[in-house]
Structure formats: structure tokens, C-alpha cells
Amino acid sequence: MSPRKSDSRDRMILSAAALLREYGASATSIDRVLAHSGAPRGSVYHHFPGGRTQLIDEAVALAGDFIAGMIDAAMQVDDPAEAVDAFFALWRERLVESDFRAGCPIVAVAVETNDDAPQLALSAAAVFARWQEALAALFVRHGLTEERSRRLGAFIIAAVEGAVIMSRAEQSTAPIEAAAAEIHDLLLHTLRDRPGAAEPVPRP
């Protein structure tokens, strides 16, 4: 494969992920991806023999990896509450930088009916599970039980995604800031009450 063809493929996947964030799955057509990426039309089925479904699926995987990297970066701090604060802050920055146009591409796929491509919902579910497991592993490392850690991981992902949707609708950071504050307080109480815990630092 020549560098030019490889570059076209990468540009199309990146464009599909960007379009998913702003316009949703149903509006992310092959024509729109080609216009956004500047890739030649003849490259579509060469790089994506599965057509639009394969392209969207690969865009979901790329976006999932990117946000997993955001989670991993946030998890580098020693304090779990601070780590989750940082995760919320990253989403807040993405909203503000995009003028509230960019949401989560995984949600864009998950919330739409894909009867002709059920694997897209499965791919979205796998991404959510991966993020949840990353958060759960953080909480287990800090003394919470596996069951509680999994529940907290799921709750935090649900809170972030819901807050992002509300912030886009309201054109305001208020929903994500409220969710972040409540999650922070919940984590302070949860971590304080675990066996052998030191007193956590309150949020400013």
C-alpha cells in the first residue's frame, strides 16, 4: 500500500469520527466523509470493502482508543477523586473548544437504530465497557471492592455522557460542572469510608 493510499484511509477514519461527534451516525455518509477528508472516491471500497458500516466501526474504535487514552492520562494522579475531576475537565474543554458542537462519537452510534448494522451497537457497548473497566481498576487499586468499583465506573461514564448531551443542548458548561461536583463529593465519601482510608482533601 502506498503512503498516499494509507493517508487517505486514515483521513477518512478521522473524518468519520469527527462527523460522528458533531452530526451523529445517520448523517455520517460516505459522501460527507469524502467531502470532509478530501479522499478520492475510488478509495472507499478499496480501503473499506465493508462500506459505510466498516468505516463507522473503525471510527468508533479510533474514538474509543482516543478517549481511553484520555482516561489513562487522567488516572496517572494518586488521588482517584482528582483523577475523575481531570476526566470531567477534559470533556468540558472539548465542549468549550468546539463551541458545544462536538459530543461523544460513541453515543452518536449507540443511540441510533442500526438494524442493518447491529455490530455498530456491539462496538459501542465494547468501548463503554473498556472505559468502565479502566475506572473500576483505579478504584480497586485504592481499596474499593470490585463490585463497587464496577458500579462507580458505570455511573461515572453515564454521568459524563449525560452531562455532555445536556451541555450541548443548553450551550452551557453548567450540566457537566454540576455532574463533576456531585461525582467528586460521592467519591470523597466513598473513599473516606473504605477501610484504612486517610481523610481525603475537600474540593475547593
C-alpha atoms as a PDB file:
ATOM      1  CA  MET A   1       0.000   0.000   0.000  1.00  0.00           C
ATOM      2  CA  SER A   2       1.417   3.361  -0.990  1.00  0.00           C
ATOM      3  CA  PRO A   3       1.776   6.183   1.566  1.00  0.00           C
ATOM      4  CA  ARG A   4      -0.860   8.170  -0.346  1.00  0.00           C
ATOM      5  CA  LYS A   5      -3.452   5.400  -0.071  1.00  0.00           C
ATOM      6  CA  SER A   6      -2.660   4.808   3.575  1.00  0.00           C
ATOM      7  CA  ASP A   7      -3.024   8.527   4.223  1.00  0.00           C
ATOM      8  CA  SER A   8      -6.423   8.548   2.506  1.00  0.00           C
ATOM      9  CA  ARG A   9      -7.616   5.708   4.695  1.00  0.00           C
ATOM     10  CA  ASP A  10      -6.506   7.419   7.902  1.00  0.00           C
ATOM     11  CA  ARG A  11      -8.063  10.718   6.836  1.00  0.00           C
ATOM     12  CA  MET A  12     -11.386   9.020   6.164  1.00  0.00           C
ATOM     13  CA  ILE A  13     -11.458   7.347   9.589  1.00  0.00           C
ATOM     14  CA  LEU A  14     -10.552  10.613  11.332  1.00  0.00           C
ATOM     15  CA  SER A  15     -13.198  12.481   9.344  1.00  0.00           C
ATOM     16  CA  ALA A  16     -15.836   9.865  10.149  1.00  0.00           C
ATOM     17  CA  ALA A  17     -15.043  10.178  13.868  1.00  0.00           C
ATOM     18  CA  ALA A  18     -15.227  13.989  13.684  1.00  0.00           C
ATOM     19  CA  LEU A  19     -18.541  13.870  11.833  1.00  0.00           C
ATOM     20  CA  LEU A  20     -19.972  11.390  14.329  1.00  0.00           C
ATOM     21  CA  ARG A  21     -19.137  13.799  17.147  1.00  0.00           C
ATOM     22  CA  GLU A  22     -20.933  16.724  15.518  1.00  0.00           C
ATOM     23  CA  TYR A  23     -23.714  15.251  13.392  1.00  0.00           C
ATOM     24  CA  GLY A  24     -24.442  11.724  14.594  1.00  0.00           C
ATOM     25  CA  ALA A  25     -24.303   8.366  12.866  1.00  0.00           C
ATOM     26  CA  SER A  26     -27.155   8.713  10.377  1.00  0.00           C
ATOM     27  CA  ALA A  27     -25.689  11.939   8.961  1.00  0.00           C
ATOM     28  CA  THR A  28     -22.206  10.449   8.587  1.00  0.00           C
ATOM     29  CA  SER A  29     -22.497   9.281   4.990  1.00  0.00           C
ATOM     30  CA  ILE A  30     -19.745   8.199   2.626  1.00  0.00           C
ATOM     31  CA  ASP A  31     -20.240  11.387   0.589  1.00  0.00           C
ATOM     32  CA  ARG A  32     -19.909  13.545   3.668  1.00  0.00           C
ATOM     33  CA  VAL A  33     -16.764  11.718   4.797  1.00  0.00           C
ATOM     34  CA  LEU A  34     -15.218  12.135   1.346  1.00  0.00           C
ATOM     35  CA  ALA A  35     -16.009  15.850   1.319  1.00  0.00           C
ATOM     36  CA  HIS A  36     -14.609  16.317   4.828  1.00  0.00           C
ATOM     37  CA  SER A  37     -11.462  14.238   4.305  1.00  0.00           C
ATOM     38  CA  GLY A  38     -10.686  15.126   0.701  1.00  0.00           C
ATOM     39  CA  ALA A  39     -10.040  11.455  -0.017  1.00  0.00           C
ATOM     40  CA  PRO A  40     -10.656  10.174  -3.577  1.00  0.00           C
ATOM     41  CA  ARG A  41     -13.982   8.401  -4.095  1.00  0.00           C
ATOM     42  CA  GLY A  42     -12.267   5.420  -5.674  1.00  0.00           C
ATOM     43  CA  SER A  43     -10.501   4.665  -2.400  1.00  0.00           C
ATOM     44  CA  VAL A  44     -13.666   3.946  -0.416  1.00  0.00           C
ATOM     45  CA  TYR A  45     -14.235   0.296  -1.203  1.00  0.00           C
ATOM     46  CA  HIS A  46     -10.534  -0.352  -1.633  1.00  0.00           C
ATOM     47  CA  HIS A  47      -9.873   0.611   1.977  1.00  0.00           C
ATOM     48  CA  PHE A  48     -13.314  -0.281   3.339  1.00  0.00           C
ATOM     49  CA  PRO A  49     -14.728  -3.292   1.476  1.00  0.00           C
ATOM     50  CA  GLY A  50     -17.479  -3.400   4.093  1.00  0.00           C
ATOM     51  CA  GLY A  51     -18.581   0.068   3.013  1.00  0.00           C
ATOM     52  CA  ARG A  52     -20.034   2.664   5.357  1.00  0.00           C
ATOM     53  CA  THR A  53     -20.578   0.165   8.179  1.00  0.00           C
ATOM     54  CA  GLN A  54     -16.887  -0.768   8.265  1.00  0.00           C
ATOM     55  CA  LEU A  55     -15.846   2.873   8.110  1.00  0.00           C
ATOM     56  CA  ILE A  56     -18.128   3.832  11.014  1.00  0.00           C
ATOM     57  CA  ASP A  57     -16.997   0.792  13.001  1.00  0.00           C
ATOM     58  CA  GLU A  58     -13.345   1.767  12.591  1.00  0.00           C
ATOM     59  CA  ALA A  59     -14.138   5.356  13.514  1.00  0.00           C
ATOM     60  CA  VAL A  60     -15.816   4.102  16.707  1.00  0.00           C
ATOM     61  CA  ALA A  61     -12.717   2.044  17.528  1.00  0.00           C
ATOM     62  CA  LEU A  62     -10.439   5.038  16.912  1.00  0.00           C
ATOM     63  CA  ALA A  63     -12.562   7.335  19.064  1.00  0.00           C
ATOM     64  CA  GLY A  64     -12.749   4.679  21.770  1.00  0.00           C
ATOM     65  CA  ASP A  65      -8.971   4.390  21.828  1.00  0.00           C
ATOM     66  CA  PHE A  66      -8.559   8.158  21.956  1.00  0.00           C
ATOM     67  CA  ILE A  67     -10.909   8.627  24.907  1.00  0.00           C
ATOM     68  CA  ALA A  68      -9.394   5.593  26.643  1.00  0.00           C
ATOM     69  CA  GLY A  69      -6.115   7.485  26.354  1.00  0.00           C
ATOM     70  CA  MET A  70      -7.791  10.497  27.997  1.00  0.00           C
ATOM     71  CA  ILE A  71      -8.909   8.250  30.848  1.00  0.00           C
ATOM     72  CA  ASP A  72      -5.440   6.724  31.187  1.00  0.00           C
ATOM     73  CA  ALA A  73      -3.881  10.194  31.312  1.00  0.00           C
ATOM     74  CA  ALA A  74      -6.343  11.312  33.979  1.00  0.00           C
ATOM     75  CA  MET A  75      -5.687   8.186  36.027  1.00  0.00           C
ATOM     76  CA  GLN A  76      -1.993   8.998  36.470  1.00  0.00           C
ATOM     77  CA  VAL A  77      -2.618  11.059  39.609  1.00  0.00           C
ATOM     78  CA  ASP A  78      -2.597   9.367  43.013  1.00  0.00           C
ATOM     79  CA  ASP A  79      -5.962  10.677  44.208  1.00  0.00           C
ATOM     80  CA  PRO A  80      -8.938   8.915  42.495  1.00  0.00           C
ATOM     81  CA  ALA A  81     -11.235  11.897  43.037  1.00  0.00           C
ATOM     82  CA  GLU A  82      -8.673  14.194  41.419  1.00  0.00           C
ATOM     83  CA  ALA A  83      -8.325  11.738  38.539  1.00  0.00           C
ATOM     84  CA  VAL A  84     -12.064  11.775  37.877  1.00  0.00           C
ATOM     85  CA  ASP A  85     -12.089  15.590  38.192  1.00  0.00           C
ATOM     86  CA  ALA A  86      -9.472  15.661  35.444  1.00  0.00           C
ATOM     87  CA  PHE A  87     -11.578  13.369  33.243  1.00  0.00           C
ATOM     88  CA  PHE A  88     -14.586  15.670  33.558  1.00  0.00           C
ATOM     89  CA  ALA A  89     -12.346  18.684  32.899  1.00  0.00           C
ATOM     90  CA  LEU A  90     -11.128  17.151  29.638  1.00  0.00           C
ATOM     91  CA  TRP A  91     -14.697  16.748  28.425  1.00  0.00           C
ATOM     92  CA  ARG A  92     -15.509  20.299  29.488  1.00  0.00           C
ATOM     93  CA  GLU A  93     -12.553  21.580  27.463  1.00  0.00           C
ATOM     94  CA  ARG A  94     -13.697  19.625  24.399  1.00  0.00           C
ATOM     95  CA  LEU A  95     -17.159  21.146  24.651  1.00  0.00           C
ATOM     96  CA  VAL A  96     -15.881  24.698  25.022  1.00  0.00           C
ATOM     97  CA  GLU A  97     -13.245  24.375  22.280  1.00  0.00           C
ATOM     98  CA  SER A  98     -15.869  23.102  19.820  1.00  0.00           C
ATOM     99  CA  ASP A  99     -18.420  25.755  20.838  1.00  0.00           C
ATOM    100  CA  PHE A 100     -20.612  22.907  22.121  1.00  0.00           C
ATOM    101  CA  ARG A 101     -20.786  21.269  18.696  1.00  0.00           C
ATOM    102  CA  ALA A 102     -18.746  18.155  19.494  1.00  0.00           C
ATOM    103  CA  GLY A 103     -20.174  15.385  21.605  1.00  0.00           C
ATOM    104  CA  CYS A 104     -19.199  11.765  22.055  1.00  0.00           C
ATOM    105  CA  PRO A 105     -18.989   9.732  18.826  1.00  0.00           C
ATOM    106  CA  ILE A 106     -19.696   6.518  20.719  1.00  0.00           C
ATOM    107  CA  VAL A 107     -23.003   7.883  21.991  1.00  0.00           C
ATOM    108  CA  ALA A 108     -23.807   9.005  18.451  1.00  0.00           C
ATOM    109  CA  VAL A 109     -23.635   5.388  17.324  1.00  0.00           C
ATOM    110  CA  ALA A 110     -25.216   3.861  20.422  1.00  0.00           C
ATOM    111  CA  VAL A 111     -28.400   5.949  20.443  1.00  0.00           C
ATOM    112  CA  GLU A 112     -29.354   5.425  16.800  1.00  0.00           C
ATOM    113  CA  THR A 113     -31.156   2.384  15.432  1.00  0.00           C
ATOM    114  CA  ASN A 114     -28.825   0.317  13.262  1.00  0.00           C
ATOM    115  CA  ASP A 115     -30.948  -2.637  12.223  1.00  0.00           C
ATOM    116  CA  ASP A 116     -28.862  -3.047   9.083  1.00  0.00           C
ATOM    117  CA  ALA A 117     -25.590  -2.962  11.064  1.00  0.00           C
ATOM    118  CA  PRO A 118     -26.149  -4.348  14.577  1.00  0.00           C
ATOM    119  CA  GLN A 119     -22.398  -4.727  15.047  1.00  0.00           C
ATOM    120  CA  LEU A 120     -22.135  -0.962  15.498  1.00  0.00           C
ATOM    121  CA  ALA A 121     -24.135  -1.123  18.736  1.00  0.00           C
ATOM    122  CA  LEU A 122     -21.941  -4.014  19.875  1.00  0.00           C
ATOM    123  CA  SER A 123     -18.814  -1.980  19.118  1.00  0.00           C
ATOM    124  CA  ALA A 124     -20.177   0.976  21.081  1.00  0.00           C
ATOM    125  CA  ALA A 125     -21.012  -1.289  24.026  1.00  0.00           C
ATOM    126  CA  ALA A 126     -17.488  -2.716  23.968  1.00  0.00           C
ATOM    127  CA  VAL A 127     -15.998   0.789  24.102  1.00  0.00           C
ATOM    128  CA  PHE A 128     -18.176   1.771  27.066  1.00  0.00           C
ATOM    129  CA  ALA A 129     -17.163  -1.447  28.844  1.00  0.00           C
ATOM    130  CA  ARG A 130     -13.495  -0.662  28.254  1.00  0.00           C
ATOM    131  CA  TRP A 131     -13.830   2.804  29.783  1.00  0.00           C
ATOM    132  CA  GLN A 132     -15.785   1.424  32.724  1.00  0.00           C
ATOM    133  CA  GLU A 133     -13.128  -1.215  33.374  1.00  0.00           C
ATOM    134  CA  ALA A 134     -10.370   1.426  33.336  1.00  0.00           C
ATOM    135  CA  LEU A 135     -12.168   3.443  36.001  1.00  0.00           C
ATOM    136  CA  ALA A 136     -13.043   0.349  38.025  1.00  0.00           C
ATOM    137  CA  ALA A 137      -9.384  -0.705  38.058  1.00  0.00           C
ATOM    138  CA  LEU A 138      -8.468   2.697  39.522  1.00  0.00           C
ATOM    139  CA  PHE A 139     -10.953   2.304  42.365  1.00  0.00           C
ATOM    140  CA  VAL A 140      -9.884  -1.266  43.100  1.00  0.00           C
ATOM    141  CA  ARG A 141      -6.292  -0.042  43.413  1.00  0.00           C
ATOM    142  CA  HIS A 142      -7.491   2.398  46.065  1.00  0.00           C
ATOM    143  CA  GLY A 143      -9.222  -0.142  48.239  1.00  0.00           C
ATOM    144  CA  LEU A 144     -12.793  -0.402  46.946  1.00  0.00           C
ATOM    145  CA  THR A 145     -14.381  -3.759  46.239  1.00  0.00           C
ATOM    146  CA  GLU A 146     -14.573  -4.966  42.652  1.00  0.00           C
ATOM    147  CA  GLU A 147     -18.368  -4.806  42.671  1.00  0.00           C
ATOM    148  CA  ARG A 148     -18.481  -1.226  43.986  1.00  0.00           C
ATOM    149  CA  SER A 149     -15.706  -0.222  41.615  1.00  0.00           C
ATOM    150  CA  ARG A 150     -17.591  -1.543  38.591  1.00  0.00           C
ATOM    151  CA  ARG A 151     -20.761   0.249  39.659  1.00  0.00           C
ATOM    152  CA  LEU A 152     -18.884   3.514  40.156  1.00  0.00           C
ATOM    153  CA  GLY A 153     -17.170   3.138  36.792  1.00  0.00           C
ATOM    154  CA  ALA A 154     -20.509   2.651  35.034  1.00  0.00           C
ATOM    155  CA  PHE A 155     -22.084   5.541  36.933  1.00  0.00           C
ATOM    156  CA  ILE A 156     -19.276   7.951  36.087  1.00  0.00           C
ATOM    157  CA  ILE A 157     -19.377   7.091  32.382  1.00  0.00           C
ATOM    158  CA  ALA A 158     -23.165   7.516  32.391  1.00  0.00           C
ATOM    159  CA  ALA A 159     -22.844  10.849  34.228  1.00  0.00           C
ATOM    160  CA  VAL A 160     -20.218  12.177  31.823  1.00  0.00           C
ATOM    161  CA  GLU A 161     -22.149  11.160  28.719  1.00  0.00           C
ATOM    162  CA  GLY A 162     -25.430  12.560  30.021  1.00  0.00           C
ATOM    163  CA  ALA A 163     -23.775  15.795  31.079  1.00  0.00           C
ATOM    164  CA  VAL A 164     -22.127  16.206  27.667  1.00  0.00           C
ATOM    165  CA  ILE A 165     -25.505  15.808  25.954  1.00  0.00           C
ATOM    166  CA  MET A 166     -27.166  18.310  28.314  1.00  0.00           C
ATOM    167  CA  SER A 167     -24.314  20.804  27.943  1.00  0.00           C
ATOM    168  CA  ARG A 168     -24.603  20.680  24.165  1.00  0.00           C
ATOM    169  CA  ALA A 169     -28.357  21.188  24.348  1.00  0.00           C
ATOM    170  CA  GLU A 170     -28.075  24.089  26.790  1.00  0.00           C
ATOM    171  CA  GLN A 171     -24.928  25.556  25.204  1.00  0.00           C
ATOM    172  CA  SER A 172     -23.532  25.750  28.706  1.00  0.00           C
ATOM    173  CA  THR A 173     -20.932  24.028  30.856  1.00  0.00           C
ATOM    174  CA  ALA A 174     -23.318  24.108  33.847  1.00  0.00           C
ATOM    175  CA  PRO A 175     -24.538  20.487  33.465  1.00  0.00           C
ATOM    176  CA  ILE A 176     -21.065  18.976  33.224  1.00  0.00           C
ATOM    177  CA  GLU A 177     -19.794  21.139  36.086  1.00  0.00           C
ATOM    178  CA  ALA A 178     -22.742  20.049  38.255  1.00  0.00           C
ATOM    179  CA  ALA A 179     -22.157  16.394  37.423  1.00  0.00           C
ATOM    180  CA  ALA A 180     -18.445  16.718  38.163  1.00  0.00           C
ATOM    181  CA  ALA A 181     -19.120  18.337  41.553  1.00  0.00           C
ATOM    182  CA  GLU A 182     -21.620  15.665  42.605  1.00  0.00           C
ATOM    183  CA  ILE A 183     -19.365  12.819  41.479  1.00  0.00           C
ATOM    184  CA  HIS A 184     -16.465  14.423  43.358  1.00  0.00           C
ATOM    185  CA  ASP A 185     -18.473  14.587  46.578  1.00  0.00           C
ATOM    186  CA  LEU A 186     -19.654  11.000  46.120  1.00  0.00           C
ATOM    187  CA  LEU A 187     -16.084   9.811  45.684  1.00  0.00           C
ATOM    188  CA  LEU A 188     -14.899  11.745  48.749  1.00  0.00           C
ATOM    189  CA  HIS A 189     -17.489   9.990  50.921  1.00  0.00           C
ATOM    190  CA  THR A 190     -16.908   6.600  49.320  1.00  0.00           C
ATOM    191  CA  LEU A 191     -13.131   6.747  49.675  1.00  0.00           C
ATOM    192  CA  ARG A 192     -13.333   8.171  53.197  1.00  0.00           C
ATOM    193  CA  ASP A 193     -15.483   5.261  54.350  1.00  0.00           C
ATOM    194  CA  ARG A 194     -13.313   2.485  52.929  1.00  0.00           C
ATOM    195  CA  PRO A 195     -11.245   0.502  55.447  1.00  0.00           C
ATOM    196  CA  GLY A 196      -7.945   2.129  56.374  1.00  0.00           C
ATOM    197  CA  ALA A 197      -8.598   5.287  54.397  1.00  0.00           C
ATOM    198  CA  ALA A 198      -6.879   8.595  55.035  1.00  0.00           C
ATOM    199  CA  GLU A 199      -9.038  11.690  55.146  1.00  0.00           C
ATOM    200  CA  PRO A 200      -9.480  12.986  51.546  1.00  0.00           C
ATOM    201  CA  VAL A 201      -8.903  16.598  50.581  1.00  0.00           C
ATOM    202  CA  PRO A 202     -12.177  18.550  50.025  1.00  0.00           C
ATOM    203  CA  ARG A 203     -12.784  20.119  46.616  1.00  0.00           C
ATOM    204  CA  PRO A 204     -12.027  23.875  46.529  1.00  0.00           C
END
